[in-house]
Amino acid sequence: MEIRKDERTDGLIYVADRRGNRIQVFQQSGEFVMEKIVAPRTLSSGSAFVIALSPDAEQEWLYLADGTNHKVWILHRADMEIVGEFGRGGRQVGQMLRSHGMGIDSHGNLYVGEASTGRRVQKFTVSGGTP
């Protein structure tokens, strides 16, 4: 389970529940706020590996690495609706094998680390102001 605390804006806590194929959101008091199930038919290792929040002041976007389905999901953070995805299984540029770690820099560049036989980090950039 991956936990990220968003201290820059609203103080919410985001939990990636890998085997539950979901993201849960809590207040710092522990009060449940909402959850989003992502790729519910994913078996074995689940779909919710690690979360990164966009660096803009509103932190409008949430990125979710899905190591089983070899992609990154893009969600609108306010309502947790899926607005896009990128990646697919493979070893070529833009493809992923077991996306397992993720980070974002102040410019919005997303870094995705791969486990298993992927063993690399790829950098993805945002163009046009939206993911």
N, C-alpha and C. Protein backbone atom coordinates (compact mmCIF):
# COMPACT_ATOMS: atom_id res chain seq x y z
N MET A 1 0.84 -1.16 0.00
CA MET A 1 0.00 0.00 0.00
C MET A 1 0.89 1.23 0.00
N GLU A 2 0.58 2.18 -0.86
CA GLU A 2 1.33 3.42 -1.00
C GLU A 2 0.50 4.55 -0.41
N ILE A 3 1.11 5.38 0.43
CA ILE A 3 0.41 6.52 1.02
C ILE A 3 1.16 7.78 0.66
N ARG A 4 0.44 8.76 0.13
CA ARG A 4 1.01 10.06 -0.19
C ARG A 4 0.20 11.11 0.55
N LYS A 5 0.86 12.02 1.21
CA LYS A 5 0.18 13.09 1.92
C LYS A 5 0.36 14.38 1.14
N ASP A 6 -0.72 15.04 0.85
CA ASP A 6 -0.73 16.28 0.08
C ASP A 6 -0.78 17.44 1.06
N GLU A 7 0.37 18.03 1.37
CA GLU A 7 0.40 19.10 2.35
C GLU A 7 0.36 20.47 1.73
N ARG A 8 0.48 20.58 0.43
CA ARG A 8 0.56 21.88 -0.20
C ARG A 8 -0.80 22.56 -0.32
N THR A 9 -1.87 21.82 -0.43
CA THR A 9 -3.15 22.47 -0.66
C THR A 9 -4.19 22.11 0.39
N ASP A 10 -4.76 20.94 0.31
CA ASP A 10 -5.89 20.63 1.18
C ASP A 10 -5.59 19.62 2.27
N GLY A 11 -4.39 19.11 2.35
CA GLY A 11 -4.01 18.21 3.43
C GLY A 11 -4.60 16.82 3.36
N LEU A 12 -5.21 16.45 2.24
CA LEU A 12 -5.79 15.11 2.12
C LEU A 12 -4.70 14.05 2.02
N ILE A 13 -5.05 12.85 2.44
CA ILE A 13 -4.13 11.71 2.36
C ILE A 13 -4.67 10.76 1.30
N TYR A 14 -3.81 10.37 0.37
CA TYR A 14 -4.18 9.48 -0.73
C TYR A 14 -3.51 8.14 -0.51
N VAL A 15 -4.30 7.07 -0.57
CA VAL A 15 -3.79 5.73 -0.35
C VAL A 15 -4.03 4.90 -1.61
N ALA A 16 -2.95 4.34 -2.16
CA ALA A 16 -3.07 3.43 -3.30
C ALA A 16 -3.16 2.01 -2.74
N ASP A 17 -4.30 1.39 -2.91
CA ASP A 17 -4.55 0.02 -2.45
C ASP A 17 -4.40 -0.89 -3.65
N ARG A 18 -3.20 -1.42 -3.82
CA ARG A 18 -2.85 -2.18 -5.02
C ARG A 18 -3.80 -3.34 -5.27
N ARG A 19 -3.94 -4.23 -4.32
CA ARG A 19 -4.78 -5.41 -4.53
C ARG A 19 -6.26 -5.09 -4.58
N GLY A 20 -6.65 -3.97 -4.01
CA GLY A 20 -8.05 -3.53 -4.05
C GLY A 20 -8.38 -2.75 -5.31
N ASN A 21 -7.39 -2.52 -6.18
CA ASN A 21 -7.59 -1.77 -7.43
C ASN A 21 -8.24 -0.41 -7.17
N ARG A 22 -7.79 0.27 -6.10
CA ARG A 22 -8.47 1.51 -5.77
C ARG A 22 -7.52 2.53 -5.13
N ILE A 23 -7.99 3.78 -5.19
CA ILE A 23 -7.37 4.88 -4.46
C ILE A 23 -8.39 5.29 -3.42
N GLN A 24 -7.96 5.45 -2.18
CA GLN A 24 -8.83 5.96 -1.14
C GLN A 24 -8.28 7.31 -0.68
N VAL A 25 -9.19 8.20 -0.32
CA VAL A 25 -8.82 9.54 0.13
C VAL A 25 -9.39 9.75 1.52
N PHE A 26 -8.53 10.29 2.41
CA PHE A 26 -8.91 10.51 3.80
C PHE A 26 -8.52 11.92 4.25
N GLN A 27 -9.26 12.44 5.24
CA GLN A 27 -8.85 13.63 5.95
C GLN A 27 -7.71 13.21 6.89
N GLN A 28 -6.94 14.16 7.38
CA GLN A 28 -5.87 13.83 8.31
C GLN A 28 -6.40 13.23 9.60
N SER A 29 -7.65 13.50 9.93
CA SER A 29 -8.28 12.93 11.13
C SER A 29 -8.60 11.45 10.95
N GLY A 30 -8.48 10.95 9.71
CA GLY A 30 -8.82 9.57 9.41
C GLY A 30 -10.20 9.41 8.78
N GLU A 31 -10.95 10.50 8.70
CA GLU A 31 -12.28 10.45 8.12
C GLU A 31 -12.19 10.15 6.63
N PHE A 32 -12.97 9.16 6.19
CA PHE A 32 -13.02 8.76 4.79
C PHE A 32 -13.65 9.87 3.97
N VAL A 33 -13.05 10.18 2.80
CA VAL A 33 -13.58 11.21 1.90
C VAL A 33 -14.19 10.57 0.66
N MET A 34 -13.42 9.74 -0.05
CA MET A 34 -13.90 9.09 -1.26
C MET A 34 -12.94 8.00 -1.69
N GLU A 35 -13.39 7.21 -2.65
CA GLU A 35 -12.51 6.22 -3.26
C GLU A 35 -12.81 6.12 -4.73
N LYS A 36 -11.82 5.65 -5.47
CA LYS A 36 -11.99 5.42 -6.90
C LYS A 36 -11.40 4.06 -7.21
N ILE A 37 -12.20 3.20 -7.80
CA ILE A 37 -11.72 1.90 -8.26
C ILE A 37 -11.23 2.07 -9.68
N VAL A 38 -10.03 1.58 -9.94
CA VAL A 38 -9.40 1.72 -11.25
C VAL A 38 -9.10 0.32 -11.78
N ALA A 39 -9.54 0.04 -12.99
CA ALA A 39 -9.34 -1.26 -13.65
C ALA A 39 -9.78 -2.41 -12.73
N PRO A 40 -11.07 -2.47 -12.39
CA PRO A 40 -11.55 -3.44 -11.41
C PRO A 40 -11.38 -4.91 -11.79
N ARG A 41 -11.21 -5.18 -13.06
CA ARG A 41 -11.06 -6.58 -13.49
C ARG A 41 -9.62 -7.07 -13.41
N THR A 42 -8.72 -6.20 -12.93
CA THR A 42 -7.32 -6.58 -12.81
C THR A 42 -7.17 -7.62 -11.72
N LEU A 43 -6.54 -8.71 -12.06
CA LEU A 43 -6.33 -9.81 -11.11
C LEU A 43 -4.90 -9.78 -10.60
N SER A 44 -4.52 -10.74 -9.85
CA SER A 44 -3.19 -10.96 -9.28
C SER A 44 -2.69 -9.77 -8.48
N SER A 45 -1.82 -8.96 -9.01
CA SER A 45 -1.15 -7.91 -8.24
C SER A 45 -1.94 -6.62 -8.13
N GLY A 46 -3.06 -6.48 -8.79
CA GLY A 46 -3.86 -5.27 -8.70
C GLY A 46 -3.38 -4.15 -9.60
N SER A 47 -4.09 -3.02 -9.56
CA SER A 47 -3.83 -1.94 -10.50
C SER A 47 -3.31 -0.65 -9.87
N ALA A 48 -3.45 -0.46 -8.57
CA ALA A 48 -3.09 0.82 -7.95
C ALA A 48 -1.75 0.70 -7.23
N PHE A 49 -0.67 1.03 -7.94
CA PHE A 49 0.67 0.85 -7.38
C PHE A 49 1.18 2.07 -6.63
N VAL A 50 1.24 3.22 -7.30
CA VAL A 50 1.80 4.41 -6.67
C VAL A 50 1.16 5.66 -7.28
N ILE A 51 1.06 6.72 -6.46
CA ILE A 51 0.38 7.96 -6.83
C ILE A 51 1.38 9.11 -6.91
N ALA A 52 1.14 10.03 -7.85
CA ALA A 52 1.85 11.30 -7.89
C ALA A 52 0.81 12.38 -8.18
N LEU A 53 0.97 13.54 -7.52
CA LEU A 53 0.08 14.67 -7.74
C LEU A 53 0.77 15.70 -8.60
N SER A 54 0.02 16.35 -9.48
CA SER A 54 0.62 17.38 -10.34
C SER A 54 1.12 18.54 -9.49
N PRO A 55 2.17 19.24 -9.96
CA PRO A 55 2.79 20.29 -9.15
C PRO A 55 2.11 21.66 -9.23
N ASP A 56 1.05 21.80 -10.02
CA ASP A 56 0.37 23.09 -10.12
C ASP A 56 -0.26 23.45 -8.77
N ALA A 57 -0.56 24.71 -8.56
CA ALA A 57 -1.08 25.18 -7.27
C ALA A 57 -2.34 24.44 -6.83
N GLU A 58 -3.20 24.09 -7.77
CA GLU A 58 -4.45 23.39 -7.44
C GLU A 58 -4.26 21.88 -7.36
N GLN A 59 -3.10 21.42 -7.78
CA GLN A 59 -2.84 19.97 -7.89
C GLN A 59 -4.03 19.29 -8.56
N GLU A 60 -4.31 19.75 -9.75
CA GLU A 60 -5.52 19.33 -10.47
C GLU A 60 -5.50 17.85 -10.88
N TRP A 61 -4.32 17.30 -11.12
CA TRP A 61 -4.23 15.96 -11.68
C TRP A 61 -3.58 14.99 -10.70
N LEU A 62 -4.05 13.77 -10.74
CA LEU A 62 -3.47 12.68 -9.98
C LEU A 62 -3.05 11.61 -10.98
N TYR A 63 -1.83 11.15 -10.86
CA TYR A 63 -1.31 10.10 -11.73
C TYR A 63 -1.19 8.82 -10.93
N LEU A 64 -1.60 7.72 -11.51
CA LEU A 64 -1.57 6.43 -10.83
C LEU A 64 -0.82 5.42 -11.69
N ALA A 65 0.30 4.92 -11.18
CA ALA A 65 1.05 3.88 -11.88
C ALA A 65 0.34 2.55 -11.68
N ASP A 66 0.13 1.83 -12.77
CA ASP A 66 -0.53 0.53 -12.77
C ASP A 66 0.46 -0.48 -13.32
N GLY A 67 1.15 -1.16 -12.42
CA GLY A 67 2.20 -2.08 -12.81
C GLY A 67 1.71 -3.37 -13.42
N THR A 68 0.49 -3.76 -13.15
CA THR A 68 -0.04 -4.99 -13.73
C THR A 68 -0.47 -4.78 -15.17
N ASN A 69 -1.11 -3.65 -15.44
CA ASN A 69 -1.60 -3.35 -16.79
C ASN A 69 -0.61 -2.50 -17.59
N HIS A 70 0.56 -2.22 -16.99
CA HIS A 70 1.67 -1.55 -17.67
C HIS A 70 1.29 -0.18 -18.24
N LYS A 71 0.71 0.67 -17.39
CA LYS A 71 0.30 2.00 -17.84
C LYS A 71 0.24 2.96 -16.67
N VAL A 72 -0.03 4.22 -16.99
CA VAL A 72 -0.28 5.26 -15.99
C VAL A 72 -1.67 5.83 -16.28
N TRP A 73 -2.49 5.87 -15.26
CA TRP A 73 -3.82 6.45 -15.36
C TRP A 73 -3.73 7.92 -14.95
N ILE A 74 -4.53 8.78 -15.60
CA ILE A 74 -4.60 10.20 -15.27
C ILE A 74 -6.01 10.47 -14.76
N LEU A 75 -6.09 11.02 -13.55
CA LEU A 75 -7.38 11.31 -12.93
C LEU A 75 -7.47 12.78 -12.58
N HIS A 76 -8.67 13.32 -12.68
CA HIS A 76 -8.96 14.67 -12.22
C HIS A 76 -9.09 14.56 -10.70
N ARG A 77 -8.21 15.20 -9.97
CA ARG A 77 -8.12 14.96 -8.53
C ARG A 77 -9.39 15.33 -7.77
N ALA A 78 -10.08 16.38 -8.16
CA ALA A 78 -11.25 16.86 -7.42
C ALA A 78 -12.36 15.82 -7.34
N ASP A 79 -12.60 15.10 -8.43
CA ASP A 79 -13.70 14.13 -8.45
C ASP A 79 -13.23 12.70 -8.73
N MET A 80 -11.91 12.52 -8.92
CA MET A 80 -11.29 11.21 -9.15
C MET A 80 -11.77 10.53 -10.43
N GLU A 81 -12.26 11.31 -11.38
CA GLU A 81 -12.66 10.73 -12.66
C GLU A 81 -11.43 10.50 -13.53
N ILE A 82 -11.42 9.38 -14.20
CA ILE A 82 -10.32 9.05 -15.11
C ILE A 82 -10.49 9.88 -16.38
N VAL A 83 -9.44 10.63 -16.73
CA VAL A 83 -9.50 11.46 -17.93
C VAL A 83 -8.57 10.96 -19.02
N GLY A 84 -7.71 10.02 -18.69
CA GLY A 84 -6.81 9.49 -19.70
C GLY A 84 -5.89 8.43 -19.13
N GLU A 85 -5.05 7.93 -20.00
CA GLU A 85 -4.06 6.91 -19.64
C GLU A 85 -2.98 6.94 -20.71
N PHE A 86 -1.82 6.43 -20.36
CA PHE A 86 -0.78 6.25 -21.37
C PHE A 86 0.09 5.07 -20.98
N GLY A 87 0.76 4.53 -21.99
CA GLY A 87 1.61 3.37 -21.80
C GLY A 87 0.90 2.08 -22.16
N ARG A 88 1.72 1.08 -22.40
CA ARG A 88 1.24 -0.30 -22.62
C ARG A 88 2.44 -1.20 -22.43
N GLY A 89 2.21 -2.47 -22.32
CA GLY A 89 3.30 -3.40 -22.06
C GLY A 89 4.32 -3.44 -23.18
N GLY A 90 5.59 -3.42 -22.81
CA GLY A 90 6.65 -3.52 -23.81
C GLY A 90 7.93 -2.87 -23.35
N ARG A 91 8.96 -3.00 -24.17
CA ARG A 91 10.29 -2.48 -23.83
C ARG A 91 10.69 -1.26 -24.65
N GLN A 92 9.84 -0.80 -25.53
CA GLN A 92 10.17 0.35 -26.36
C GLN A 92 9.88 1.65 -25.60
N VAL A 93 10.31 2.76 -26.16
CA VAL A 93 10.07 4.06 -25.55
C VAL A 93 8.56 4.28 -25.40
N GLY A 94 8.14 4.67 -24.22
CA GLY A 94 6.72 4.90 -23.95
C GLY A 94 5.96 3.68 -23.51
N GLN A 95 6.56 2.52 -23.71
CA GLN A 95 5.95 1.29 -23.21
C GLN A 95 6.54 1.01 -21.82
N MET A 96 5.87 0.17 -21.06
CA MET A 96 6.32 -0.10 -19.70
C MET A 96 6.21 -1.56 -19.36
N LEU A 97 7.08 -1.99 -18.47
CA LEU A 97 6.97 -3.31 -17.86
C LEU A 97 6.98 -3.14 -16.35
N ARG A 98 5.85 -3.37 -15.76
CA ARG A 98 5.69 -3.33 -14.30
C ARG A 98 6.02 -1.95 -13.72
N SER A 99 5.32 -0.91 -14.21
CA SER A 99 5.53 0.43 -13.65
C SER A 99 5.30 0.36 -12.14
N HIS A 100 6.30 0.75 -11.39
CA HIS A 100 6.30 0.44 -9.97
C HIS A 100 6.63 1.64 -9.08
N GLY A 101 7.32 2.62 -9.61
CA GLY A 101 7.67 3.81 -8.85
C GLY A 101 7.40 5.03 -9.71
N MET A 102 7.12 6.16 -9.05
CA MET A 102 6.79 7.33 -9.84
C MET A 102 7.08 8.58 -9.02
N GLY A 103 7.51 9.63 -9.73
CA GLY A 103 7.73 10.92 -9.11
C GLY A 103 7.47 12.00 -10.13
N ILE A 104 7.28 13.22 -9.64
CA ILE A 104 6.99 14.34 -10.54
C ILE A 104 7.83 15.52 -10.09
N ASP A 105 8.34 16.28 -11.05
CA ASP A 105 9.14 17.45 -10.68
C ASP A 105 8.29 18.73 -10.77
N SER A 106 8.89 19.85 -10.43
CA SER A 106 8.15 21.12 -10.36
C SER A 106 7.68 21.60 -11.73
N HIS A 107 8.19 21.03 -12.81
CA HIS A 107 7.77 21.40 -14.16
C HIS A 107 6.67 20.48 -14.69
N GLY A 108 6.30 19.49 -13.91
CA GLY A 108 5.26 18.55 -14.34
C GLY A 108 5.78 17.36 -15.11
N ASN A 109 7.11 17.20 -15.18
CA ASN A 109 7.68 16.01 -15.82
C ASN A 109 7.44 14.82 -14.90
N LEU A 110 6.91 13.77 -15.45
CA LEU A 110 6.58 12.57 -14.68
C LEU A 110 7.64 11.51 -14.95
N TYR A 111 8.20 10.95 -13.90
CA TYR A 111 9.23 9.92 -14.00
C TYR A 111 8.62 8.60 -13.54
N VAL A 112 8.67 7.60 -14.39
CA VAL A 112 8.09 6.30 -14.09
C VAL A 112 9.20 5.26 -14.06
N GLY A 113 9.35 4.62 -12.92
CA GLY A 113 10.33 3.56 -12.76
C GLY A 113 9.68 2.20 -12.94
N GLU A 114 10.40 1.31 -13.59
CA GLU A 114 9.88 -0.01 -13.89
C GLU A 114 10.62 -1.07 -13.07
N ALA A 115 9.89 -2.04 -12.59
CA ALA A 115 10.47 -3.16 -11.84
C ALA A 115 10.53 -4.38 -12.76
N SER A 116 10.75 -5.53 -12.17
CA SER A 116 10.83 -6.79 -12.90
C SER A 116 11.93 -6.70 -13.95
N THR A 117 11.63 -7.03 -15.18
CA THR A 117 12.66 -6.98 -16.22
C THR A 117 12.72 -5.63 -16.92
N GLY A 118 11.84 -4.68 -16.54
CA GLY A 118 11.87 -3.34 -17.12
C GLY A 118 13.14 -2.61 -16.71
N ARG A 119 13.36 -2.48 -15.42
CA ARG A 119 14.58 -1.92 -14.82
C ARG A 119 15.08 -0.64 -15.46
N ARG A 120 14.19 0.33 -15.58
CA ARG A 120 14.59 1.63 -16.11
C ARG A 120 13.64 2.69 -15.58
N VAL A 121 14.00 3.94 -15.81
CA VAL A 121 13.14 5.07 -15.50
C VAL A 121 12.91 5.84 -16.79
N GLN A 122 11.66 6.16 -17.06
CA GLN A 122 11.33 6.96 -18.23
C GLN A 122 10.76 8.30 -17.79
N LYS A 123 11.04 9.33 -18.57
CA LYS A 123 10.55 10.68 -18.31
C LYS A 123 9.46 11.00 -19.32
N PHE A 124 8.31 11.45 -18.81
CA PHE A 124 7.20 11.86 -19.65
C PHE A 124 6.92 13.33 -19.39
N THR A 125 6.65 14.09 -20.45
CA THR A 125 6.38 15.51 -20.30
C THR A 125 4.94 15.83 -20.65
N VAL A 126 4.44 16.88 -20.03
CA VAL A 126 3.08 17.37 -20.29
C VAL A 126 3.17 18.41 -21.38
N SER A 127 2.28 18.35 -22.34
CA SER A 127 2.27 19.37 -23.40
C SER A 127 0.87 19.96 -23.48
N GLY A 128 0.79 21.23 -23.77
CA GLY A 128 -0.50 21.89 -23.93
C GLY A 128 -1.20 22.23 -22.64
N GLY A 129 -0.55 22.07 -21.50
CA GLY A 129 -1.13 22.48 -20.22
C GLY A 129 -2.00 21.44 -19.55
N THR A 130 -2.43 20.41 -20.25
CA THR A 130 -3.21 19.35 -19.63
C THR A 130 -2.48 18.04 -19.83
N PRO A 131 -2.76 17.08 -18.98
CA PRO A 131 -2.02 15.82 -19.09
C PRO A 131 -2.32 15.07 -20.37
